[in-house]
Amino acid sequence: RVEPCLRLGEILIAFKKITRKELEDALEI
C-alpha cells in the first residue's frame, strides 16, 4: 500500500523485521 502511506511499523512488519507483538510493545512505550 502506498496510499494511505504505510507507517514505519507496518513496513517493518511487512518485511518481517519485527513482529506485531514487538510493534505493540514499542507503541505502548
PDB file of all heavy atoms in Angstrom:
ATOM      1  N   ARG A   1       0.845  -1.188   0.000  1.00  0.00           N
ATOM      2  CA  ARG A   1       0.000   0.000   0.000  1.00  0.00           C
ATOM      3  C   ARG A   1       0.884   1.243   0.000  1.00  0.00           C
ATOM      4  O   ARG A   1       1.822   1.357   0.772  1.00  0.00           O
ATOM      5  CB  ARG A   1      -0.889  -0.005   1.249  1.00  0.00           C
ATOM      6  CG  ARG A   1      -1.928   1.093   1.241  1.00  0.00           C
ATOM      7  CD  ARG A   1      -2.758   1.081   2.501  1.00  0.00           C
ATOM      8  NE  ARG A   1      -2.015   1.718   3.568  1.00  0.00           N
ATOM      9  CZ  ARG A   1      -1.921   1.246   4.802  1.00  0.00           C
ATOM     10  NH1 ARG A   1      -2.526   0.133   5.138  1.00  0.00           N
ATOM     11  NH2 ARG A   1      -1.226   1.892   5.710  1.00  0.00           N
ATOM     12  N   VAL A   2       0.591   2.171  -0.906  1.00  0.00           N
ATOM     13  CA  VAL A   2       1.321   3.434  -0.947  1.00  0.00           C
ATOM     14  C   VAL A   2       0.435   4.616  -0.584  1.00  0.00           C
ATOM     15  O   VAL A   2       0.936   5.680  -0.244  1.00  0.00           O
ATOM     16  CB  VAL A   2       2.007   3.671  -2.321  1.00  0.00           C
ATOM     17  CG1 VAL A   2       3.127   2.672  -2.526  1.00  0.00           C
ATOM     18  CG2 VAL A   2       1.023   3.626  -3.464  1.00  0.00           C
ATOM     19  N   GLU A   3      -0.864   4.468  -0.683  1.00  0.00           N
ATOM     20  CA  GLU A   3      -1.814   5.497  -0.255  1.00  0.00           C
ATOM     21  C   GLU A   3      -2.966   4.809   0.442  1.00  0.00           C
ATOM     22  O   GLU A   3      -3.559   3.917  -0.139  1.00  0.00           O
ATOM     23  CB  GLU A   3      -2.343   6.299  -1.450  1.00  0.00           C
ATOM     24  CG  GLU A   3      -1.330   7.202  -2.087  1.00  0.00           C
ATOM     25  CD  GLU A   3      -0.862   8.334  -1.182  1.00  0.00           C
ATOM     26  OE1 GLU A   3      -1.660   8.784  -0.334  1.00  0.00           O
ATOM     27  OE2 GLU A   3       0.279   8.745  -1.308  1.00  0.00           O
ATOM     28  N   PRO A   4      -3.339   5.114   1.647  1.00  0.00           N
ATOM     29  CA  PRO A   4      -2.594   5.997   2.519  1.00  0.00           C
ATOM     30  C   PRO A   4      -1.232   5.392   2.832  1.00  0.00           C
ATOM     31  O   PRO A   4      -1.068   4.178   2.863  1.00  0.00           O
ATOM     32  CB  PRO A   4      -3.456   6.116   3.775  1.00  0.00           C
ATOM     33  CG  PRO A   4      -4.387   4.957   3.733  1.00  0.00           C
ATOM     34  CD  PRO A   4      -4.526   4.552   2.309  1.00  0.00           C
ATOM     35  N   CYS A   5      -0.300   6.258   3.074  1.00  0.00           N
ATOM     36  CA  CYS A   5       1.100   5.881   3.253  1.00  0.00           C
ATOM     37  C   CYS A   5       1.270   4.860   4.377  1.00  0.00           C
ATOM     38  O   CYS A   5       0.663   4.981   5.432  1.00  0.00           O
ATOM     39  CB  CYS A   5       1.916   7.137   3.556  1.00  0.00           C
ATOM     40  SG  CYS A   5       3.670   6.837   3.702  1.00  0.00           S
ATOM     41  N   LEU A   6       2.108   3.844   4.108  1.00  0.00           N
ATOM     42  CA  LEU A   6       2.442   2.881   5.151  1.00  0.00           C
ATOM     43  C   LEU A   6       3.253   3.564   6.244  1.00  0.00           C
ATOM     44  O   LEU A   6       4.135   4.364   5.956  1.00  0.00           O
ATOM     45  CB  LEU A   6       3.285   1.740   4.578  1.00  0.00           C
ATOM     46  CG  LEU A   6       2.551   0.649   3.831  1.00  0.00           C
ATOM     47  CD1 LEU A   6       3.553  -0.284   3.163  1.00  0.00           C
ATOM     48  CD2 LEU A   6       1.658  -0.139   4.750  1.00  0.00           C
ATOM     49  N   ARG A   7       2.978   3.234   7.459  1.00  0.00           N
ATOM     50  CA  ARG A   7       3.730   3.781   8.582  1.00  0.00           C
ATOM     51  C   ARG A   7       4.935   2.881   8.848  1.00  0.00           C
ATOM     52  O   ARG A   7       4.995   1.747   8.381  1.00  0.00           O
ATOM     53  CB  ARG A   7       2.818   3.886   9.788  1.00  0.00           C
ATOM     54  CG  ARG A   7       1.612   4.805   9.467  1.00  0.00           C
ATOM     55  CD  ARG A   7       0.736   4.977  10.639  1.00  0.00           C
ATOM     56  NE  ARG A   7       1.482   5.657  11.680  1.00  0.00           N
ATOM     57  CZ  ARG A   7       1.122   6.790  12.241  1.00  0.00           C
ATOM     58  NH1 ARG A   7       0.026   7.371  11.849  1.00  0.00           N
ATOM     59  NH2 ARG A   7       1.836   7.333  13.192  1.00  0.00           N
ATOM     60  N   LEU A   8       5.892   3.402   9.590  1.00  0.00           N
ATOM     61  CA  LEU A   8       7.139   2.689   9.840  1.00  0.00           C
ATOM     62  C   LEU A   8       6.902   1.282  10.383  1.00  0.00           C
ATOM     63  O   LEU A   8       7.472   0.305   9.884  1.00  0.00           O
ATOM     64  CB  LEU A   8       8.030   3.486  10.799  1.00  0.00           C
ATOM     65  CG  LEU A   8       9.345   2.821  11.193  1.00  0.00           C
ATOM     66  CD1 LEU A   8      10.236   2.630   9.984  1.00  0.00           C
ATOM     67  CD2 LEU A   8      10.051   3.635  12.259  1.00  0.00           C
ATOM     68  N   GLY A   9       6.062   1.158  11.391  1.00  0.00           N
ATOM     69  CA  GLY A   9       5.786  -0.156  11.972  1.00  0.00           C
ATOM     70  C   GLY A   9       5.201  -1.133  10.972  1.00  0.00           C
ATOM     71  O   GLY A   9       5.545  -2.321  10.962  1.00  0.00           O
ATOM     72  N   GLU A  10       4.300  -0.653  10.110  1.00  0.00           N
ATOM     73  CA  GLU A  10       3.694  -1.513   9.088  1.00  0.00           C
ATOM     74  C   GLU A  10       4.742  -2.008   8.097  1.00  0.00           C
ATOM     75  O   GLU A  10       4.705  -3.164   7.675  1.00  0.00           O
ATOM     76  CB  GLU A  10       2.595  -0.745   8.344  1.00  0.00           C
ATOM     77  CG  GLU A  10       1.414  -0.383   9.209  1.00  0.00           C
ATOM     78  CD  GLU A  10       0.429   0.541   8.521  1.00  0.00           C
ATOM     79  OE1 GLU A  10       0.863   1.503   7.841  1.00  0.00           O
ATOM     80  OE2 GLU A  10      -0.776   0.300   8.653  1.00  0.00           O
ATOM     81  N   ILE A  11       5.674  -1.140   7.729  1.00  0.00           N
ATOM     82  CA  ILE A  11       6.741  -1.528   6.798  1.00  0.00           C
ATOM     83  C   ILE A  11       7.638  -2.574   7.438  1.00  0.00           C
ATOM     84  O   ILE A  11       7.968  -3.594   6.817  1.00  0.00           O
ATOM     85  CB  ILE A  11       7.562  -0.297   6.358  1.00  0.00           C
ATOM     86  CG1 ILE A  11       6.692   0.645   5.514  1.00  0.00           C
ATOM     87  CG2 ILE A  11       8.810  -0.714   5.578  1.00  0.00           C
ATOM     88  CD1 ILE A  11       7.312   2.008   5.266  1.00  0.00           C
ATOM     89  N   LEU A  12       8.036  -2.352   8.683  1.00  0.00           N
ATOM     90  CA  LEU A  12       8.907  -3.302   9.368  1.00  0.00           C
ATOM     91  C   LEU A  12       8.242  -4.668   9.525  1.00  0.00           C
ATOM     92  O   LEU A  12       8.886  -5.703   9.385  1.00  0.00           O
ATOM     93  CB  LEU A  12       9.335  -2.737  10.720  1.00  0.00           C
ATOM     94  CG  LEU A  12      10.263  -1.519  10.648  1.00  0.00           C
ATOM     95  CD1 LEU A  12      10.410  -0.874  12.022  1.00  0.00           C
ATOM     96  CD2 LEU A  12      11.615  -1.886  10.062  1.00  0.00           C
ATOM     97  N   ILE A  13       6.943  -4.689   9.780  1.00  0.00           N
ATOM     98  CA  ILE A  13       6.214  -5.959   9.867  1.00  0.00           C
ATOM     99  C   ILE A  13       6.111  -6.610   8.492  1.00  0.00           C
ATOM    100  O   ILE A  13       6.330  -7.807   8.342  1.00  0.00           O
ATOM    101  CB  ILE A  13       4.820  -5.746  10.492  1.00  0.00           C
ATOM    102  CG1 ILE A  13       4.955  -5.458  11.977  1.00  0.00           C
ATOM    103  CG2 ILE A  13       3.922  -6.969  10.266  1.00  0.00           C
ATOM    104  CD1 ILE A  13       3.664  -5.069  12.659  1.00  0.00           C
ATOM    105  N   ALA A  14       5.807  -5.811   7.460  1.00  0.00           N
ATOM    106  CA  ALA A  14       5.662  -6.355   6.108  1.00  0.00           C
ATOM    107  C   ALA A  14       6.943  -7.030   5.632  1.00  0.00           C
ATOM    108  O   ALA A  14       6.896  -8.046   4.937  1.00  0.00           O
ATOM    109  CB  ALA A  14       5.254  -5.252   5.129  1.00  0.00           C
ATOM    110  N   PHE A  15       8.089  -6.482   6.005  1.00  0.00           N
ATOM    111  CA  PHE A  15       9.372  -7.057   5.607  1.00  0.00           C
ATOM    112  C   PHE A  15       9.943  -7.991   6.674  1.00  0.00           C
ATOM    113  O   PHE A  15      11.116  -8.364   6.612  1.00  0.00           O
ATOM    114  CB  PHE A  15      10.366  -5.956   5.258  1.00  0.00           C
ATOM    115  CG  PHE A  15      10.055  -5.303   3.947  1.00  0.00           C
ATOM    116  CD1 PHE A  15       9.615  -3.989   3.903  1.00  0.00           C
ATOM    117  CD2 PHE A  15      10.180  -5.993   2.761  1.00  0.00           C
ATOM    118  CE1 PHE A  15       9.320  -3.377   2.697  1.00  0.00           C
ATOM    119  CE2 PHE A  15       9.884  -5.399   1.547  1.00  0.00           C
ATOM    120  CZ  PHE A  15       9.454  -4.089   1.512  1.00  0.00           C
ATOM    121  N   LYS A  16       9.096  -8.359   7.655  1.00  0.00           N
ATOM    122  CA  LYS A  16       9.447  -9.325   8.694  1.00  0.00           C
ATOM    123  C   LYS A  16      10.697  -8.941   9.485  1.00  0.00           C
ATOM    124  O   LYS A  16      11.510  -9.780   9.850  1.00  0.00           O
ATOM    125  CB  LYS A  16       9.605 -10.722   8.085  1.00  0.00           C
ATOM    126  CG  LYS A  16       8.318 -11.246   7.478  1.00  0.00           C
ATOM    127  CD  LYS A  16       8.503 -12.598   6.867  1.00  0.00           C
ATOM    128  CE  LYS A  16       7.303 -13.246   6.304  1.00  0.00           C
ATOM    129  NZ  LYS A  16       6.205 -12.584   5.829  1.00  0.00           N
ATOM    130  N   LYS A  17      10.834  -7.644   9.772  1.00  0.00           N
ATOM    131  CA  LYS A  17      11.939  -7.163  10.604  1.00  0.00           C
ATOM    132  C   LYS A  17      11.556  -7.140  12.076  1.00  0.00           C
ATOM    133  O   LYS A  17      12.409  -7.210  12.941  1.00  0.00           O
ATOM    134  CB  LYS A  17      12.386  -5.760  10.164  1.00  0.00           C
ATOM    135  CG  LYS A  17      12.908  -5.704   8.750  1.00  0.00           C
ATOM    136  CD  LYS A  17      14.177  -6.503   8.622  1.00  0.00           C
ATOM    137  CE  LYS A  17      14.751  -6.411   7.228  1.00  0.00           C
ATOM    138  NZ  LYS A  17      15.899  -7.272   7.047  1.00  0.00           N
ATOM    139  N   ILE A  18      10.258  -7.003  12.345  1.00  0.00           N
ATOM    140  CA  ILE A  18       9.736  -7.065  13.716  1.00  0.00           C
ATOM    141  C   ILE A  18       8.415  -7.829  13.676  1.00  0.00           C
ATOM    142  O   ILE A  18       7.806  -7.994  12.618  1.00  0.00           O
ATOM    143  CB  ILE A  18       9.518  -5.665  14.352  1.00  0.00           C
ATOM    144  CG1 ILE A  18       8.478  -4.853  13.577  1.00  0.00           C
ATOM    145  CG2 ILE A  18      10.825  -4.915  14.492  1.00  0.00           C
ATOM    146  CD1 ILE A  18       8.076  -3.547  14.251  1.00  0.00           C
ATOM    147  N   THR A  19       7.971  -8.258  14.841  1.00  0.00           N
ATOM    148  CA  THR A  19       6.672  -8.926  14.941  1.00  0.00           C
ATOM    149  C   THR A  19       5.615  -7.905  15.365  1.00  0.00           C
ATOM    150  O   THR A  19       5.944  -6.818  15.845  1.00  0.00           O
ATOM    151  CB  THR A  19       6.717 -10.058  15.991  1.00  0.00           C
ATOM    152  OG1 THR A  19       6.958  -9.482  17.275  1.00  0.00           O
ATOM    153  CG2 THR A  19       7.797 -11.077  15.661  1.00  0.00           C
ATOM    154  N   ARG A  20       4.369  -8.270  15.207  1.00  0.00           N
ATOM    155  CA  ARG A  20       3.283  -7.389  15.635  1.00  0.00           C
ATOM    156  C   ARG A  20       3.368  -7.148  17.148  1.00  0.00           C
ATOM    157  O   ARG A  20       3.138  -6.040  17.615  1.00  0.00           O
ATOM    158  CB  ARG A  20       1.924  -7.993  15.261  1.00  0.00           C
ATOM    159  CG  ARG A  20       0.782  -7.104  15.673  1.00  0.00           C
ATOM    160  CD  ARG A  20      -0.430  -7.183  14.820  1.00  0.00           C
ATOM    161  NE  ARG A  20      -0.251  -7.071  13.404  1.00  0.00           N
ATOM    162  CZ  ARG A  20      -0.204  -5.926  12.717  1.00  0.00           C
ATOM    163  NH1 ARG A  20      -0.251  -4.783  13.364  1.00  0.00           N
ATOM    164  NH2 ARG A  20      -0.090  -5.913  11.418  1.00  0.00           N
ATOM    165  N   LYS A  21       3.748  -8.159  17.906  1.00  0.00           N
ATOM    166  CA  LYS A  21       3.882  -8.022  19.366  1.00  0.00           C
ATOM    167  C   LYS A  21       4.977  -7.013  19.707  1.00  0.00           C
ATOM    168  O   LYS A  21       4.791  -6.171  20.594  1.00  0.00           O
ATOM    169  CB  LYS A  21       4.199  -9.393  19.981  1.00  0.00           C
ATOM    170  CG  LYS A  21       4.523  -9.365  21.459  1.00  0.00           C
ATOM    171  CD  LYS A  21       3.276  -9.204  22.299  1.00  0.00           C
ATOM    172  CE  LYS A  21       3.581  -9.394  23.765  1.00  0.00           C
ATOM    173  NZ  LYS A  21       3.448  -8.216  24.560  1.00  0.00           N
ATOM    174  N   GLU A  22       6.109  -7.069  18.997  1.00  0.00           N
ATOM    175  CA  GLU A  22       7.189  -6.111  19.244  1.00  0.00           C
ATOM    176  C   GLU A  22       6.728  -4.688  18.925  1.00  0.00           C
ATOM    177  O   GLU A  22       7.042  -3.749  19.654  1.00  0.00           O
ATOM    178  CB  GLU A  22       8.427  -6.471  18.426  1.00  0.00           C
ATOM    179  CG  GLU A  22       9.126  -7.718  18.918  1.00  0.00           C
ATOM    180  CD  GLU A  22      10.199  -8.218  17.983  1.00  0.00           C
ATOM    181  OE1 GLU A  22      10.060  -8.047  16.745  1.00  0.00           O
ATOM    182  OE2 GLU A  22      11.186  -8.785  18.480  1.00  0.00           O
ATOM    183  N   LEU A  23       5.958  -4.545  17.835  1.00  0.00           N
ATOM    184  CA  LEU A  23       5.426  -3.227  17.489  1.00  0.00           C
ATOM    185  C   LEU A  23       4.471  -2.731  18.572  1.00  0.00           C
ATOM    186  O   LEU A  23       4.554  -1.583  19.009  1.00  0.00           O
ATOM    187  CB  LEU A  23       4.718  -3.261  16.130  1.00  0.00           C
ATOM    188  CG  LEU A  23       3.995  -1.976  15.730  1.00  0.00           C
ATOM    189  CD1 LEU A  23       4.976  -0.810  15.608  1.00  0.00           C
ATOM    190  CD2 LEU A  23       3.225  -2.172  14.440  1.00  0.00           C
ATOM    191  N   GLU A  24       3.572  -3.589  19.013  1.00  0.00           N
ATOM    192  CA  GLU A  24       2.617  -3.198  20.052  1.00  0.00           C
ATOM    193  C   GLU A  24       3.329  -2.797  21.338  1.00  0.00           C
ATOM    194  O   GLU A  24       2.950  -1.816  21.982  1.00  0.00           O
ATOM    195  CB  GLU A  24       1.624  -4.335  20.301  1.00  0.00           C
ATOM    196  CG  GLU A  24       0.656  -4.538  19.157  1.00  0.00           C
ATOM    197  CD  GLU A  24      -0.168  -5.811  19.273  1.00  0.00           C
ATOM    198  OE1 GLU A  24       0.024  -6.576  20.249  1.00  0.00           O
ATOM    199  OE2 GLU A  24      -0.995  -6.046  18.386  1.00  0.00           O
ATOM    200  N   ASP A  25       4.379  -3.542  21.701  1.00  0.00           N
ATOM    201  CA  ASP A  25       5.142  -3.203  22.914  1.00  0.00           C
ATOM    202  C   ASP A  25       5.816  -1.840  22.763  1.00  0.00           C
ATOM    203  O   ASP A  25       5.798  -1.025  23.686  1.00  0.00           O
ATOM    204  CB  ASP A  25       6.189  -4.276  23.207  1.00  0.00           C
ATOM    205  CG  ASP A  25       5.583  -5.595  23.655  1.00  0.00           C
ATOM    206  OD1 ASP A  25       4.380  -5.621  23.981  1.00  0.00           O
ATOM    207  OD2 ASP A  25       6.318  -6.604  23.658  1.00  0.00           O
ATOM    208  N   ALA A  26       6.418  -1.588  21.596  1.00  0.00           N
ATOM    209  CA  ALA A  26       7.089  -0.307  21.359  1.00  0.00           C
ATOM    210  C   ALA A  26       6.080   0.844  21.351  1.00  0.00           C
ATOM    211  O   ALA A  26       6.354   1.917  21.891  1.00  0.00           O
ATOM    212  CB  ALA A  26       7.865  -0.353  20.046  1.00  0.00           C
ATOM    213  N   LEU A  27       4.910   0.625  20.758  1.00  0.00           N
ATOM    214  CA  LEU A  27       3.886   1.672  20.738  1.00  0.00           C
ATOM    215  C   LEU A  27       3.354   1.947  22.147  1.00  0.00           C
ATOM    216  O   LEU A  27       3.046   3.089  22.483  1.00  0.00           O
ATOM    217  CB  LEU A  27       2.742   1.288  19.795  1.00  0.00           C
ATOM    218  CG  LEU A  27       3.075   1.346  18.308  1.00  0.00           C
ATOM    219  CD1 LEU A  27       1.924   0.774  17.483  1.00  0.00           C
ATOM    220  CD2 LEU A  27       3.403   2.764  17.873  1.00  0.00           C
ATOM    221  N   GLU A  28       3.262   0.913  22.958  1.00  0.00           N
ATOM    222  CA  GLU A  28       2.832   1.098  24.341  1.00  0.00           C
ATOM    223  C   GLU A  28       3.830   1.995  25.087  1.00  0.00           C
ATOM    224  O   GLU A  28       3.437   2.905  25.822  1.00  0.00           O
ATOM    225  CB  GLU A  28       2.719  -0.262  25.034  1.00  0.00           C
ATOM    226  CG  GLU A  28       2.085  -0.204  26.401  1.00  0.00           C
ATOM    227  CD  GLU A  28       1.877  -1.585  26.986  1.00  0.00           C
ATOM    228  OE1 GLU A  28       1.387  -2.471  26.271  1.00  0.00           O
ATOM    229  OE2 GLU A  28       2.213  -1.757  28.173  1.00  0.00           O
ATOM    230  N   ILE A  29       5.117   1.761  24.855  1.00  0.00           N
ATOM    231  CA  ILE A  29       6.145   2.618  25.451  1.00  0.00           C
ATOM    232  C   ILE A  29       6.007   4.044  24.930  1.00  0.00           C
ATOM    233  O   ILE A  29       6.024   5.005  25.687  1.00  0.00           O
ATOM    234  CB  ILE A  29       7.557   2.063  25.162  1.00  0.00           C
ATOM    235  CG1 ILE A  29       7.778   0.742  25.888  1.00  0.00           C
ATOM    236  CG2 ILE A  29       8.633   3.082  25.544  1.00  0.00           C
ATOM    237  CD1 ILE A  29       9.002  -0.011  25.443  1.00  0.00           C
TER     238      ILE A  29
END
